[in-house]
Amino acid sequence: MKPQDEVGQTVPRAVPPVALPPGADPHQVRPYGDTMNDGAVQVSFSLPLPLNDEARETARRLAGKMGLHDILIYHEADLGYGFSFYILYGKCRHTVDYARVVVPKVSTTRMGFEEINAFIRERVGRPLRVVGACIGNDAHTVGIDAILNMKGYAGEYGLERYPMFKVLNLGSQVPSEDLLARAVEFRADAVLVSQVVTQKDIHLTNLAELVDMVEAEGVRERVLMICGGPRITHEVALELGFDAGFGPGTTPTVVASFIVQEFVRRLH
């Protein structure tokens, strides 16, 4: 059996044809600071210690246990109440084999506004129904609004502007049970959930609980479950039981393309 790599993969992949700087080795990637492969990095953290010589040495030793050497404390500050803050420079000993890094991605052909509408007309024959919300105590609607609101994001229209989508945006701080009830009432084909607040991994708890509720209601097989947020990846979404996950910078056409293509794929 081959040893697993840093992300749990066992089979090397072909290095994609990307342009690498002179001297860069895709099989031994190390951080770059001033010169190639010098391993220079910057780290910052707070300690539950007052600022003193012992605390500084504690910070250095912690950086050493992170795999750094030639460590320099560049900045320090007394935060009060027994806390202190540090910015350190150091050099990383470790490398990563880029050829063994495999990241699950959403498999979708990106389409444009008119193409998506035509695709739904021809392959579905009716508007697709989408419900979106920020669940739990999350009050940050910037992500869900970027995808759903008519004004859209990054020069693209949101799904409310599409004639072949019917959209219900429930906004922020929506309990998962309320989102589920509205989705069932709306006969949703897809549910979009945005989670911006991630303190203590509350986003993972909220998303997992929602999937459990949808499955218990017996509607999981007929609704696409999609989540997004600053700490959401497609891999995380799949692990939680969603069909797709999208991170920062995702535009409306990317999400819309996935919805229509995955919906049609399931029809057949």
C-alpha atoms as a PDB file:
ATOM      1  CA  MET A   1       0.000   0.000   0.000  1.00  0.00           C
ATOM      2  CA  LYS A   2       1.333   3.433  -0.908  1.00  0.00           C
ATOM      3  CA  PRO A   3       1.714   5.933   1.918  1.00  0.00           C
ATOM      4  CA  GLN A   4      -0.937   8.627   2.038  1.00  0.00           C
ATOM      5  CA  ASP A   5       0.047  12.187   1.285  1.00  0.00           C
ATOM      6  CA  GLU A   6      -0.811  15.441   3.041  1.00  0.00           C
ATOM      7  CA  VAL A   7      -4.448  15.503   1.905  1.00  0.00           C
ATOM      8  CA  GLY A   8      -5.218  11.796   2.204  1.00  0.00           C
ATOM      9  CA  GLN A   9      -4.525  10.856  -1.413  1.00  0.00           C
ATOM     10  CA  THR A  10      -2.434   7.835  -2.339  1.00  0.00           C
ATOM     11  CA  VAL A  11      -1.974   8.172  -6.103  1.00  0.00           C
ATOM     12  CA  PRO A  12       0.143  10.989  -7.576  1.00  0.00           C
ATOM     13  CA  ARG A  13      -1.535  12.980 -10.311  1.00  0.00           C
ATOM     14  CA  ALA A  14       0.077  14.472 -13.386  1.00  0.00           C
ATOM     15  CA  VAL A  15       1.347  17.947 -12.657  1.00  0.00           C
ATOM     16  CA  PRO A  16      -0.944  20.319 -14.603  1.00  0.00           C
ATOM     17  CA  PRO A  17       0.651  22.446 -17.309  1.00  0.00           C
ATOM     18  CA  VAL A  18       1.070  25.589 -15.215  1.00  0.00           C
ATOM     19  CA  ALA A  19       3.869  28.091 -15.630  1.00  0.00           C
ATOM     20  CA  LEU A  20       6.289  27.766 -12.705  1.00  0.00           C
ATOM     21  CA  PRO A  21       9.056  30.246 -11.839  1.00  0.00           C
ATOM     22  CA  PRO A  22      12.635  29.202 -12.625  1.00  0.00           C
ATOM     23  CA  GLY A  23      13.962  26.909  -9.913  1.00  0.00           C
ATOM     24  CA  ALA A  24      10.537  25.900  -8.589  1.00  0.00           C
ATOM     25  CA  ASP A  25      10.148  22.152  -8.013  1.00  0.00           C
ATOM     26  CA  PRO A  26       6.475  21.030  -8.044  1.00  0.00           C
ATOM     27  CA  HIS A  27       7.416  17.968  -6.006  1.00  0.00           C
ATOM     28  CA  GLN A  28       9.066  19.975  -3.215  1.00  0.00           C
ATOM     29  CA  VAL A  29       7.127  23.195  -2.778  1.00  0.00           C
ATOM     30  CA  ARG A  30       8.369  25.457   0.003  1.00  0.00           C
ATOM     31  CA  PRO A  31       7.316  29.039   0.845  1.00  0.00           C
ATOM     32  CA  TYR A  32       9.104  31.852  -0.974  1.00  0.00           C
ATOM     33  CA  GLY A  33      10.230  35.068   0.720  1.00  0.00           C
ATOM     34  CA  ASP A  34      13.333  36.773  -0.678  1.00  0.00           C
ATOM     35  CA  THR A  35      14.855  33.916  -2.662  1.00  0.00           C
ATOM     36  CA  MET A  36      13.493  30.731  -4.195  1.00  0.00           C
ATOM     37  CA  ASN A  37      12.932  27.906  -1.681  1.00  0.00           C
ATOM     38  CA  ASP A  38      14.096  29.939   1.321  1.00  0.00           C
ATOM     39  CA  GLY A  39      10.979  28.835   3.220  1.00  0.00           C
ATOM     40  CA  ALA A  40      10.399  32.297   4.695  1.00  0.00           C
ATOM     41  CA  VAL A  41       7.009  32.741   6.389  1.00  0.00           C
ATOM     42  CA  GLN A  42       5.274  35.118   8.763  1.00  0.00           C
ATOM     43  CA  VAL A  43       3.043  33.902  11.592  1.00  0.00           C
ATOM     44  CA  SER A  44       1.092  35.797  14.215  1.00  0.00           C
ATOM     45  CA  PHE A  45      -0.734  34.726  17.353  1.00  0.00           C
ATOM     46  CA  SER A  46      -1.763  35.769  20.820  1.00  0.00           C
ATOM     47  CA  LEU A  47      -0.714  34.074  24.041  1.00  0.00           C
ATOM     48  CA  PRO A  48      -2.489  33.965  27.405  1.00  0.00           C
ATOM     49  CA  LEU A  49       0.667  35.399  28.979  1.00  0.00           C
ATOM     50  CA  PRO A  50       1.723  38.905  29.984  1.00  0.00           C
ATOM     51  CA  LEU A  51       4.429  40.414  27.799  1.00  0.00           C
ATOM     52  CA  ASN A  52       7.824  39.537  29.310  1.00  0.00           C
ATOM     53  CA  ASP A  53      11.015  37.649  28.450  1.00  0.00           C
ATOM     54  CA  GLU A  54       9.525  34.272  29.321  1.00  0.00           C
ATOM     55  CA  ALA A  55       6.506  34.937  27.107  1.00  0.00           C
ATOM     56  CA  ARG A  56       8.767  35.939  24.187  1.00  0.00           C
ATOM     57  CA  GLU A  57      10.730  32.729  24.537  1.00  0.00           C
ATOM     58  CA  THR A  58       7.478  30.770  24.716  1.00  0.00           C
ATOM     59  CA  ALA A  59       6.420  32.368  21.420  1.00  0.00           C
ATOM     60  CA  ARG A  60       9.747  31.423  19.799  1.00  0.00           C
ATOM     61  CA  ARG A  61       9.514  27.824  20.996  1.00  0.00           C
ATOM     62  CA  LEU A  62       5.962  27.505  19.745  1.00  0.00           C
ATOM     63  CA  ALA A  63       7.078  28.723  16.312  1.00  0.00           C
ATOM     64  CA  GLY A  64       9.861  26.133  16.427  1.00  0.00           C
ATOM     65  CA  LYS A  65       7.320  23.395  17.099  1.00  0.00           C
ATOM     66  CA  MET A  66       5.440  24.605  14.021  1.00  0.00           C
ATOM     67  CA  GLY A  67       8.473  23.555  11.981  1.00  0.00           C
ATOM     68  CA  LEU A  68      10.182  26.969  11.720  1.00  0.00           C
ATOM     69  CA  HIS A  69      13.817  27.860  12.305  1.00  0.00           C
ATOM     70  CA  ASP A  70      15.825  31.119  12.249  1.00  0.00           C
ATOM     71  CA  ILE A  71      12.940  32.668  14.161  1.00  0.00           C
ATOM     72  CA  LEU A  72      12.737  36.417  14.708  1.00  0.00           C
ATOM     73  CA  ILE A  73      10.074  38.258  16.707  1.00  0.00           C
ATOM     74  CA  TYR A  74       9.282  41.174  14.415  1.00  0.00           C
ATOM     75  CA  HIS A  75       6.522  42.752  16.495  1.00  0.00           C
ATOM     76  CA  GLU A  76       5.053  42.292  19.957  1.00  0.00           C
ATOM     77  CA  ALA A  77       2.320  44.013  21.965  1.00  0.00           C
ATOM     78  CA  ASP A  78       0.892  43.862  25.451  1.00  0.00           C
ATOM     79  CA  LEU A  79      -2.849  43.287  25.054  1.00  0.00           C
ATOM     80  CA  GLY A  80      -3.603  43.757  28.734  1.00  0.00           C
ATOM     81  CA  TYR A  81      -5.440  41.430  31.094  1.00  0.00           C
ATOM     82  CA  GLY A  82      -2.510  38.989  30.944  1.00  0.00           C
ATOM     83  CA  PHE A  83      -2.468  38.564  27.135  1.00  0.00           C
ATOM     84  CA  SER A  84       0.244  39.384  24.591  1.00  0.00           C
ATOM     85  CA  PHE A  85       0.493  39.385  20.787  1.00  0.00           C
ATOM     86  CA  TYR A  86       3.404  38.446  18.479  1.00  0.00           C
ATOM     87  CA  ILE A  87       4.362  38.584  14.822  1.00  0.00           C
ATOM     88  CA  LEU A  88       7.280  36.281  14.003  1.00  0.00           C
ATOM     89  CA  TYR A  89       9.385  35.607  10.924  1.00  0.00           C
ATOM     90  CA  GLY A  90      10.904  32.191  10.361  1.00  0.00           C
ATOM     91  CA  LYS A  91      11.902  29.630   7.765  1.00  0.00           C
ATOM     92  CA  CYS A  92       9.845  26.528   7.100  1.00  0.00           C
ATOM     93  CA  ARG A  93      11.634  23.183   7.059  1.00  0.00           C
ATOM     94  CA  HIS A  94       8.851  21.291   5.318  1.00  0.00           C
ATOM     95  CA  THR A  95       7.830  20.880   1.685  1.00  0.00           C
ATOM     96  CA  VAL A  96       4.702  19.607  -0.043  1.00  0.00           C
ATOM     97  CA  ASP A  97       4.505  17.491  -3.188  1.00  0.00           C
ATOM     98  CA  TYR A  98       2.177  19.531  -5.395  1.00  0.00           C
ATOM     99  CA  ALA A  99       1.662  16.495  -7.646  1.00  0.00           C
ATOM    100  CA  ARG A 100      -0.071  14.684  -4.768  1.00  0.00           C
ATOM    101  CA  VAL A 101      -2.446  17.494  -3.842  1.00  0.00           C
ATOM    102  CA  VAL A 102      -5.949  16.592  -5.010  1.00  0.00           C
ATOM    103  CA  VAL A 103      -8.787  19.007  -4.240  1.00  0.00           C
ATOM    104  CA  PRO A 104     -12.405  17.971  -4.937  1.00  0.00           C
ATOM    105  CA  LYS A 105     -14.078  20.526  -7.193  1.00  0.00           C
ATOM    106  CA  VAL A 106     -17.585  21.086  -8.455  1.00  0.00           C
ATOM    107  CA  SER A 107     -17.801  19.408 -11.852  1.00  0.00           C
ATOM    108  CA  THR A 108     -19.795  21.872 -13.938  1.00  0.00           C
ATOM    109  CA  THR A 109     -19.486  23.550 -17.299  1.00  0.00           C
ATOM    110  CA  ARG A 110     -19.908  27.260 -16.719  1.00  0.00           C
ATOM    111  CA  MET A 111     -22.661  28.816 -18.814  1.00  0.00           C
ATOM    112  CA  GLY A 112     -23.830  32.396 -19.344  1.00  0.00           C
ATOM    113  CA  PHE A 113     -27.124  34.085 -18.472  1.00  0.00           C
ATOM    114  CA  GLU A 114     -28.923  33.443 -21.777  1.00  0.00           C
ATOM    115  CA  GLU A 115     -27.477  29.953 -22.101  1.00  0.00           C
ATOM    116  CA  ILE A 116     -28.721  28.960 -18.649  1.00  0.00           C
ATOM    117  CA  ASN A 117     -32.240  30.199 -19.341  1.00  0.00           C
ATOM    118  CA  ALA A 118     -32.349  28.410 -22.701  1.00  0.00           C
ATOM    119  CA  PHE A 119     -31.015  25.219 -21.105  1.00  0.00           C
ATOM    120  CA  ILE A 120     -33.829  25.202 -18.522  1.00  0.00           C
ATOM    121  CA  ARG A 121     -36.506  25.910 -21.158  1.00  0.00           C
ATOM    122  CA  GLU A 122     -35.305  23.108 -23.396  1.00  0.00           C
ATOM    123  CA  ARG A 123     -34.353  20.459 -20.833  1.00  0.00           C
ATOM    124  CA  VAL A 124     -36.742  21.137 -17.939  1.00  0.00           C
ATOM    125  CA  GLY A 125     -39.650  23.047 -19.450  1.00  0.00           C
ATOM    126  CA  ARG A 126     -40.459  25.097 -16.361  1.00  0.00           C
ATOM    127  CA  PRO A 127     -38.671  27.554 -14.042  1.00  0.00           C
ATOM    128  CA  LEU A 128     -36.526  25.977 -11.340  1.00  0.00           C
ATOM    129  CA  ARG A 129     -37.474  26.947  -7.807  1.00  0.00           C
ATOM    130  CA  VAL A 130     -34.712  28.051  -5.433  1.00  0.00           C
ATOM    131  CA  VAL A 131     -34.866  28.955  -1.741  1.00  0.00           C
ATOM    132  CA  GLY A 132     -31.935  30.630   0.003  1.00  0.00           C
ATOM    133  CA  ALA A 133     -31.114  31.788   3.531  1.00  0.00           C
ATOM    134  CA  CYS A 134     -28.481  32.415   6.172  1.00  0.00           C
ATOM    135  CA  ILE A 135     -29.328  29.954   8.945  1.00  0.00           C
ATOM    136  CA  GLY A 136     -28.826  30.001  12.692  1.00  0.00           C
ATOM    137  CA  ASN A 137     -27.657  33.306  14.175  1.00  0.00           C
ATOM    138  CA  ASP A 138     -25.806  34.308  10.998  1.00  0.00           C
ATOM    139  CA  ALA A 139     -26.867  37.822  10.007  1.00  0.00           C
ATOM    140  CA  HIS A 140     -24.430  38.249   7.102  1.00  0.00           C
ATOM    141  CA  THR A 141     -26.430  38.164   3.871  1.00  0.00           C
ATOM    142  CA  VAL A 142     -23.674  39.404   1.570  1.00  0.00           C
ATOM    143  CA  GLY A 143     -22.985  35.909   0.226  1.00  0.00           C
ATOM    144  CA  ILE A 144     -26.545  34.737  -0.362  1.00  0.00           C
ATOM    145  CA  ASP A 145     -27.503  38.142  -1.794  1.00  0.00           C
ATOM    146  CA  ALA A 146     -24.570  38.053  -4.216  1.00  0.00           C
ATOM    147  CA  ILE A 147     -25.998  34.880  -5.740  1.00  0.00           C
ATOM    148  CA  LEU A 148     -29.736  35.511  -5.484  1.00  0.00           C
ATOM    149  CA  ASN A 149     -30.436  39.242  -5.548  1.00  0.00           C
ATOM    150  CA  MET A 150     -31.381  40.747  -8.877  1.00  0.00           C
ATOM    151  CA  LYS A 151     -28.395  43.115  -8.831  1.00  0.00           C
ATOM    152  CA  GLY A 152     -26.030  40.134  -8.587  1.00  0.00           C
ATOM    153  CA  TYR A 153     -22.281  40.275  -8.127  1.00  0.00           C
ATOM    154  CA  ALA A 154     -19.111  40.905 -10.143  1.00  0.00           C
ATOM    155  CA  GLY A 155     -21.044  42.123 -13.160  1.00  0.00           C
ATOM    156  CA  GLU A 156     -23.381  39.112 -13.251  1.00  0.00           C
ATOM    157  CA  TYR A 157     -27.117  39.103 -12.590  1.00  0.00           C
ATOM    158  CA  GLY A 158     -28.393  37.239  -9.557  1.00  0.00           C
ATOM    159  CA  LEU A 159     -30.846  34.380  -9.941  1.00  0.00           C
ATOM    160  CA  GLU A 160     -33.828  36.676  -9.266  1.00  0.00           C
ATOM    161  CA  ARG A 161     -33.160  38.269 -12.670  1.00  0.00           C
ATOM    162  CA  TYR A 162     -33.362  34.929 -14.509  1.00  0.00           C
ATOM    163  CA  PRO A 163     -36.799  34.325 -16.070  1.00  0.00           C
ATOM    164  CA  MET A 164     -36.286  30.568 -15.655  1.00  0.00           C
ATOM    165  CA  PHE A 165     -35.693  30.719 -11.892  1.00  0.00           C
ATOM    166  CA  LYS A 166     -38.279  31.339  -9.191  1.00  0.00           C
ATOM    167  CA  VAL A 167     -36.387  32.588  -6.147  1.00  0.00           C
ATOM    168  CA  LEU A 168     -37.326  32.924  -2.484  1.00  0.00           C
ATOM    169  CA  ASN A 169     -34.631  34.686  -0.444  1.00  0.00           C
ATOM    170  CA  LEU A 170     -35.457  34.340   3.249  1.00  0.00           C
ATOM    171  CA  GLY A 171     -32.595  36.559   4.410  1.00  0.00           C
ATOM    172  CA  SER A 172     -30.696  36.206   7.657  1.00  0.00           C
ATOM    173  CA  GLN A 173     -30.974  34.412  10.999  1.00  0.00           C
ATOM    174  CA  VAL A 174     -33.415  31.827   9.693  1.00  0.00           C
ATOM    175  CA  PRO A 175     -33.904  28.747  11.909  1.00  0.00           C
ATOM    176  CA  SER A 176     -33.179  25.565   9.972  1.00  0.00           C
ATOM    177  CA  GLU A 177     -36.660  24.206  10.652  1.00  0.00           C
ATOM    178  CA  ASP A 178     -38.200  27.363   9.166  1.00  0.00           C
ATOM    179  CA  LEU A 179     -36.019  27.110   6.062  1.00  0.00           C
ATOM    180  CA  LEU A 180     -37.055  23.499   5.616  1.00  0.00           C
ATOM    181  CA  ALA A 181     -40.751  24.316   6.044  1.00  0.00           C
ATOM    182  CA  ARG A 182     -40.589  27.137   3.497  1.00  0.00           C
ATOM    183  CA  ALA A 183     -38.634  24.981   1.058  1.00  0.00           C
ATOM    184  CA  VAL A 184     -41.271  22.239   1.228  1.00  0.00           C
ATOM    185  CA  GLU A 185     -44.089  24.779   0.878  1.00  0.00           C
ATOM    186  CA  PHE A 186     -42.328  26.441  -2.059  1.00  0.00           C
ATOM    187  CA  ARG A 187     -41.672  23.056  -3.695  1.00  0.00           C
ATOM    188  CA  ALA A 188     -38.024  24.001  -3.986  1.00  0.00           C
ATOM    189  CA  ASP A 189     -35.751  22.259  -6.453  1.00  0.00           C
ATOM    190  CA  ALA A 190     -32.660  23.676  -4.722  1.00  0.00           C
ATOM    191  CA  VAL A 191     -31.831  25.087  -1.304  1.00  0.00           C
ATOM    192  CA  LEU A 192     -28.933  27.535  -0.950  1.00  0.00           C
ATOM    193  CA  VAL A 193     -27.429  28.180   2.476  1.00  0.00           C
ATOM    194  CA  SER A 194     -24.837  30.821   3.300  1.00  0.00           C
ATOM    195  CA  GLN A 195     -22.695  30.653   6.434  1.00  0.00           C
ATOM    196  CA  VAL A 196     -20.316  33.537   7.105  1.00  0.00           C
ATOM    197  CA  VAL A 197     -20.011  33.234  10.885  1.00  0.00           C
ATOM    198  CA  THR A 198     -17.606  30.359  11.600  1.00  0.00           C
ATOM    199  CA  GLN A 199     -16.535  30.934  15.214  1.00  0.00           C
ATOM    200  CA  LYS A 200     -16.040  27.615  17.018  1.00  0.00           C
ATOM    201  CA  ASP A 201     -17.069  25.881  13.759  1.00  0.00           C
ATOM    202  CA  ILE A 202     -20.716  26.840  14.290  1.00  0.00           C
ATOM    203  CA  HIS A 203     -21.174  26.773  10.510  1.00  0.00           C
ATOM    204  CA  LEU A 204     -20.432  23.049  10.438  1.00  0.00           C
ATOM    205  CA  THR A 205     -22.928  22.367  13.216  1.00  0.00           C
ATOM    206  CA  ASN A 206     -25.648  24.431  11.522  1.00  0.00           C
ATOM    207  CA  LEU A 207     -25.141  22.828   8.116  1.00  0.00           C
ATOM    208  CA  ALA A 208     -25.034  19.274   9.462  1.00  0.00           C
ATOM    209  CA  GLU A 209     -28.217  19.821  11.455  1.00  0.00           C
ATOM    210  CA  LEU A 210     -29.998  21.173   8.381  1.00  0.00           C
ATOM    211  CA  VAL A 211     -29.081  18.113   6.315  1.00  0.00           C
ATOM    212  CA  ASP A 212     -30.311  15.846   9.112  1.00  0.00           C
ATOM    213  CA  MET A 213     -33.649  17.684   9.142  1.00  0.00           C
ATOM    214  CA  VAL A 214     -34.043  17.468   5.370  1.00  0.00           C
ATOM    215  CA  GLU A 215     -33.319  13.749   5.441  1.00  0.00           C
ATOM    216  CA  ALA A 216     -35.723  13.182   8.326  1.00  0.00           C
ATOM    217  CA  GLU A 217     -38.430  15.029   6.379  1.00  0.00           C
ATOM    218  CA  GLY A 218     -37.914  12.581   3.505  1.00  0.00           C
ATOM    219  CA  VAL A 219     -37.258  15.218   0.838  1.00  0.00           C
ATOM    220  CA  ARG A 220     -33.480  14.949   0.481  1.00  0.00           C
ATOM    221  CA  GLU A 221     -33.606  13.001  -2.777  1.00  0.00           C
ATOM    222  CA  ARG A 222     -35.681  15.612  -4.574  1.00  0.00           C
ATOM    223  CA  VAL A 223     -33.891  18.802  -3.560  1.00  0.00           C
ATOM    224  CA  LEU A 224     -30.375  19.993  -4.357  1.00  0.00           C
ATOM    225  CA  MET A 225     -28.538  21.140  -1.235  1.00  0.00           C
ATOM    226  CA  ILE A 226     -25.882  23.803  -1.800  1.00  0.00           C
ATOM    227  CA  CYS A 227     -23.871  25.765   0.747  1.00  0.00           C
ATOM    228  CA  GLY A 228     -21.380  28.595   0.578  1.00  0.00           C
ATOM    229  CA  GLY A 229     -19.219  30.821   2.728  1.00  0.00           C
ATOM    230  CA  PRO A 230     -15.646  31.923   3.498  1.00  0.00           C
ATOM    231  CA  ARG A 231     -14.699  28.567   5.048  1.00  0.00           C
ATOM    232  CA  ILE A 232     -16.741  26.363   2.736  1.00  0.00           C
ATOM    233  CA  THR A 233     -15.087  24.112   0.176  1.00  0.00           C
ATOM    234  CA  HIS A 234     -16.664  21.505  -2.055  1.00  0.00           C
ATOM    235  CA  GLU A 235     -14.945  18.806  -0.021  1.00  0.00           C
ATOM    236  CA  VAL A 236     -16.399  20.129   3.253  1.00  0.00           C
ATOM    237  CA  ALA A 237     -19.848  20.358   1.668  1.00  0.00           C
ATOM    238  CA  LEU A 238     -19.747  16.753   0.494  1.00  0.00           C
ATOM    239  CA  GLU A 239     -18.639  15.569   3.928  1.00  0.00           C
ATOM    240  CA  LEU A 240     -21.613  17.366   5.482  1.00  0.00           C
ATOM    241  CA  GLY A 241     -24.073  15.762   3.063  1.00  0.00           C
ATOM    242  CA  PHE A 242     -24.542  18.642   0.614  1.00  0.00           C
ATOM    243  CA  ASP A 243     -24.375  18.326  -3.161  1.00  0.00           C
ATOM    244  CA  ALA A 244     -21.963  21.224  -3.653  1.00  0.00           C
ATOM    245  CA  GLY A 245     -20.044  23.873  -1.769  1.00  0.00           C
ATOM    246  CA  PHE A 246     -18.769  27.221  -3.022  1.00  0.00           C
ATOM    247  CA  GLY A 247     -16.192  29.513  -1.435  1.00  0.00           C
ATOM    248  CA  PRO A 248     -15.449  33.246  -1.570  1.00  0.00           C
ATOM    249  CA  GLY A 249     -15.665  34.983  -4.940  1.00  0.00           C
ATOM    250  CA  THR A 250     -18.213  32.567  -6.422  1.00  0.00           C
ATOM    251  CA  THR A 251     -20.429  34.316  -8.975  1.00  0.00           C
ATOM    252  CA  PRO A 252     -24.114  33.694  -9.804  1.00  0.00           C
ATOM    253  CA  THR A 253     -23.482  31.933 -13.123  1.00  0.00           C
ATOM    254  CA  VAL A 254     -21.266  29.350 -11.412  1.00  0.00           C
ATOM    255  CA  VAL A 255     -24.010  28.397  -8.952  1.00  0.00           C
ATOM    256  CA  ALA A 256     -26.750  28.598 -11.572  1.00  0.00           C
ATOM    257  CA  SER A 257     -24.777  26.390 -13.964  1.00  0.00           C
ATOM    258  CA  PHE A 258     -24.368  23.741 -11.291  1.00  0.00           C
ATOM    259  CA  ILE A 259     -28.051  23.818 -10.347  1.00  0.00           C
ATOM    260  CA  VAL A 260     -29.366  23.384 -13.867  1.00  0.00           C
ATOM    261  CA  GLN A 261     -26.852  20.762 -14.967  1.00  0.00           C
ATOM    262  CA  GLU A 262     -27.155  18.679 -11.803  1.00  0.00           C
ATOM    263  CA  PHE A 263     -30.960  18.916 -11.864  1.00  0.00           C
ATOM    264  CA  VAL A 264     -31.109  17.681 -15.465  1.00  0.00           C
ATOM    265  CA  ARG A 265     -28.553  14.950 -14.736  1.00  0.00           C
ATOM    266  CA  ARG A 266     -30.778  13.625 -11.961  1.00  0.00           C
ATOM    267  CA  LEU A 267     -33.809  13.653 -14.235  1.00  0.00           C
ATOM    268  CA  HIS A 268     -32.069  11.069 -16.363  1.00  0.00           C
END
